Amino acid sequence: MADIATLEVTTAGSSISKFNSGRGLRCFCSNCGSPVWFESLDYPEIVGIPLGALDSGDIPPPEVHLWTQSNPTWCDINDDLPRHKTHPAESK
């Protein structure tokens, strides 16, 4: 997740399309269909970015675990980062 105010997109001539999936906007490359980010209607200040969309530079280390209630049974979290069963605003 990232603050939408800091999102910078380099498209190299491609355009971004958006599809309203009901809970937010799924944004994807208009040329190849790859997902590039998700804009939540409930939390418009942040975007969810799939790691596969980052193809250059360093990927920042995690700062928090979100939506842990949806983790698969085989997923073990073995660090001391903050954890939230849903979105942090709903976990308070």
C-alpha atoms as a PDB file:
ATOM      1  CA  MET A   1       0.000   0.000   0.000  1.00  0.00           C
ATOM      2  CA  ALA A   2       1.121   3.524  -0.659  1.00  0.00           C
ATOM      3  CA  ASP A   3      -0.057   7.071  -0.052  1.00  0.00           C
ATOM      4  CA  ILE A   4      -1.810   8.146  -3.269  1.00  0.00           C
ATOM      5  CA  ALA A   5      -0.225  11.591  -2.993  1.00  0.00           C
ATOM      6  CA  THR A   6       3.207   9.994  -3.547  1.00  0.00           C
ATOM      7  CA  LEU A   7       2.207   7.739  -6.469  1.00  0.00           C
ATOM      8  CA  GLU A   8       4.252   8.441  -9.586  1.00  0.00           C
ATOM      9  CA  VAL A   9       3.471   6.444 -12.714  1.00  0.00           C
ATOM     10  CA  THR A  10       5.771   6.034 -15.708  1.00  0.00           C
ATOM     11  CA  THR A  11       3.834   4.468 -18.563  1.00  0.00           C
ATOM     12  CA  ALA A  12       6.252   4.646 -21.535  1.00  0.00           C
ATOM     13  CA  GLY A  13       3.403   5.529 -23.857  1.00  0.00           C
ATOM     14  CA  SER A  14       0.778   3.170 -22.422  1.00  0.00           C
ATOM     15  CA  SER A  15      -2.386   4.431 -20.832  1.00  0.00           C
ATOM     16  CA  ILE A  16      -4.053   3.356 -17.601  1.00  0.00           C
ATOM     17  CA  SER A  17      -7.660   2.113 -17.605  1.00  0.00           C
ATOM     18  CA  LYS A  18      -9.884   1.826 -14.540  1.00  0.00           C
ATOM     19  CA  PHE A  19     -12.684  -0.615 -13.777  1.00  0.00           C
ATOM     20  CA  ASN A  20     -15.089  -0.111 -10.860  1.00  0.00           C
ATOM     21  CA  SER A  21     -15.327  -3.478  -9.114  1.00  0.00           C
ATOM     22  CA  GLY A  22     -17.838  -2.241  -6.528  1.00  0.00           C
ATOM     23  CA  ARG A  23     -15.452  -1.571  -3.624  1.00  0.00           C
ATOM     24  CA  GLY A  24     -12.951   0.408  -5.656  1.00  0.00           C
ATOM     25  CA  LEU A  25     -11.212   1.037  -8.919  1.00  0.00           C
ATOM     26  CA  ARG A  26      -8.980  -1.647 -10.399  1.00  0.00           C
ATOM     27  CA  CYS A  27      -6.366   0.131 -12.485  1.00  0.00           C
ATOM     28  CA  PHE A  28      -4.573  -1.715 -15.252  1.00  0.00           C
ATOM     29  CA  CYS A  29      -2.445  -1.235 -18.344  1.00  0.00           C
ATOM     30  CA  SER A  30      -4.696  -0.557 -21.337  1.00  0.00           C
ATOM     31  CA  ASN A  31      -2.273  -2.362 -23.655  1.00  0.00           C
ATOM     32  CA  CYS A  32      -1.566  -5.652 -21.868  1.00  0.00           C
ATOM     33  CA  GLY A  33      -4.149  -5.756 -19.057  1.00  0.00           C
ATOM     34  CA  SER A  34      -1.607  -6.096 -16.232  1.00  0.00           C
ATOM     35  CA  PRO A  35      -2.955  -4.859 -12.873  1.00  0.00           C
ATOM     36  CA  VAL A  36      -0.999  -1.851 -11.646  1.00  0.00           C
ATOM     37  CA  TRP A  37      -2.883  -0.647  -8.555  1.00  0.00           C
ATOM     38  CA  PHE A  38      -6.198  -0.627  -6.682  1.00  0.00           C
ATOM     39  CA  GLU A  39      -7.977   2.520  -5.463  1.00  0.00           C
ATOM     40  CA  SER A  40     -10.313   1.738  -2.558  1.00  0.00           C
ATOM     41  CA  LEU A  41     -13.550   3.708  -2.357  1.00  0.00           C
ATOM     42  CA  ASP A  42     -13.468   3.328   1.450  1.00  0.00           C
ATOM     43  CA  TYR A  43      -9.862   4.572   1.799  1.00  0.00           C
ATOM     44  CA  PRO A  44      -9.196   7.007  -1.081  1.00  0.00           C
ATOM     45  CA  GLU A  45      -5.944   8.236   0.467  1.00  0.00           C
ATOM     46  CA  ILE A  46      -4.121   4.948  -0.213  1.00  0.00           C
ATOM     47  CA  VAL A  47      -3.578   2.608  -3.139  1.00  0.00           C
ATOM     48  CA  GLY A  48      -2.775  -1.095  -3.152  1.00  0.00           C
ATOM     49  CA  ILE A  49       0.090  -1.967  -5.489  1.00  0.00           C
ATOM     50  CA  PRO A  50       0.801  -5.584  -6.488  1.00  0.00           C
ATOM     51  CA  LEU A  51       4.504  -6.375  -6.036  1.00  0.00           C
ATOM     52  CA  GLY A  52       4.609  -7.717  -9.593  1.00  0.00           C
ATOM     53  CA  ALA A  53       3.903  -4.211 -10.877  1.00  0.00           C
ATOM     54  CA  LEU A  54       7.243  -2.959  -9.524  1.00  0.00           C
ATOM     55  CA  ASP A  55       9.924  -3.786 -12.068  1.00  0.00           C
ATOM     56  CA  SER A  56      12.778  -1.474 -11.155  1.00  0.00           C
ATOM     57  CA  GLY A  57      14.409   0.004  -8.117  1.00  0.00           C
ATOM     58  CA  ASP A  58      14.293  -1.258  -4.575  1.00  0.00           C
ATOM     59  CA  ILE A  59      11.080  -2.610  -3.149  1.00  0.00           C
ATOM     60  CA  PRO A  60      10.621  -0.973   0.245  1.00  0.00           C
ATOM     61  CA  PRO A  61      10.552  -3.305   3.251  1.00  0.00           C
ATOM     62  CA  PRO A  62       7.173  -3.995   4.877  1.00  0.00           C
ATOM     63  CA  GLU A  63       6.092  -1.740   7.731  1.00  0.00           C
ATOM     64  CA  VAL A  64       2.845  -3.476   8.737  1.00  0.00           C
ATOM     65  CA  HIS A  65       0.726  -6.573   8.021  1.00  0.00           C
ATOM     66  CA  LEU A  66      -2.808  -5.809   6.778  1.00  0.00           C
ATOM     67  CA  TRP A  67      -5.850  -8.061   6.333  1.00  0.00           C
ATOM     68  CA  THR A  68      -4.293 -10.879   8.359  1.00  0.00           C
ATOM     69  CA  GLN A  69      -7.758 -12.420   8.865  1.00  0.00           C
ATOM     70  CA  SER A  70      -7.555 -13.433   5.195  1.00  0.00           C
ATOM     71  CA  ASN A  71      -4.150 -15.124   5.408  1.00  0.00           C
ATOM     72  CA  PRO A  72      -4.041 -18.675   4.061  1.00  0.00           C
ATOM     73  CA  THR A  73      -3.566 -21.316   6.762  1.00  0.00           C
ATOM     74  CA  TRP A  74       0.010 -21.966   5.609  1.00  0.00           C
ATOM     75  CA  CYS A  75       1.052 -18.311   6.071  1.00  0.00           C
ATOM     76  CA  ASP A  76       3.102 -17.737   9.217  1.00  0.00           C
ATOM     77  CA  ILE A  77       4.062 -14.185  10.180  1.00  0.00           C
ATOM     78  CA  ASN A  78       7.398 -14.383  11.960  1.00  0.00           C
ATOM     79  CA  ASP A  79       8.283 -10.791  12.763  1.00  0.00           C
ATOM     80  CA  ASP A  80       7.302  -8.065  15.207  1.00  0.00           C
ATOM     81  CA  LEU A  81       5.653  -5.692  12.725  1.00  0.00           C
ATOM     82  CA  PRO A  82       2.187  -4.366  13.637  1.00  0.00           C
ATOM     83  CA  ARG A  83      -0.687  -6.598  12.511  1.00  0.00           C
ATOM     84  CA  HIS A  84      -4.245  -5.679  11.585  1.00  0.00           C
ATOM     85  CA  LYS A  85      -7.012  -8.189  10.892  1.00  0.00           C
ATOM     86  CA  THR A  86      -8.528  -5.754   8.383  1.00  0.00           C
ATOM     87  CA  HIS A  87      -7.602  -2.158   7.474  1.00  0.00           C
ATOM     88  CA  PRO A  88      -5.833  -0.268  10.316  1.00  0.00           C
ATOM     89  CA  ALA A  89      -8.684   2.256  10.607  1.00  0.00           C
ATOM     90  CA  GLU A  90     -11.132  -0.612  11.231  1.00  0.00           C
ATOM     91  CA  SER A  91      -8.833  -2.403  13.696  1.00  0.00           C
ATOM     92  CA  LYS A  92      -8.716   0.424  16.234  1.00  0.00           C
END
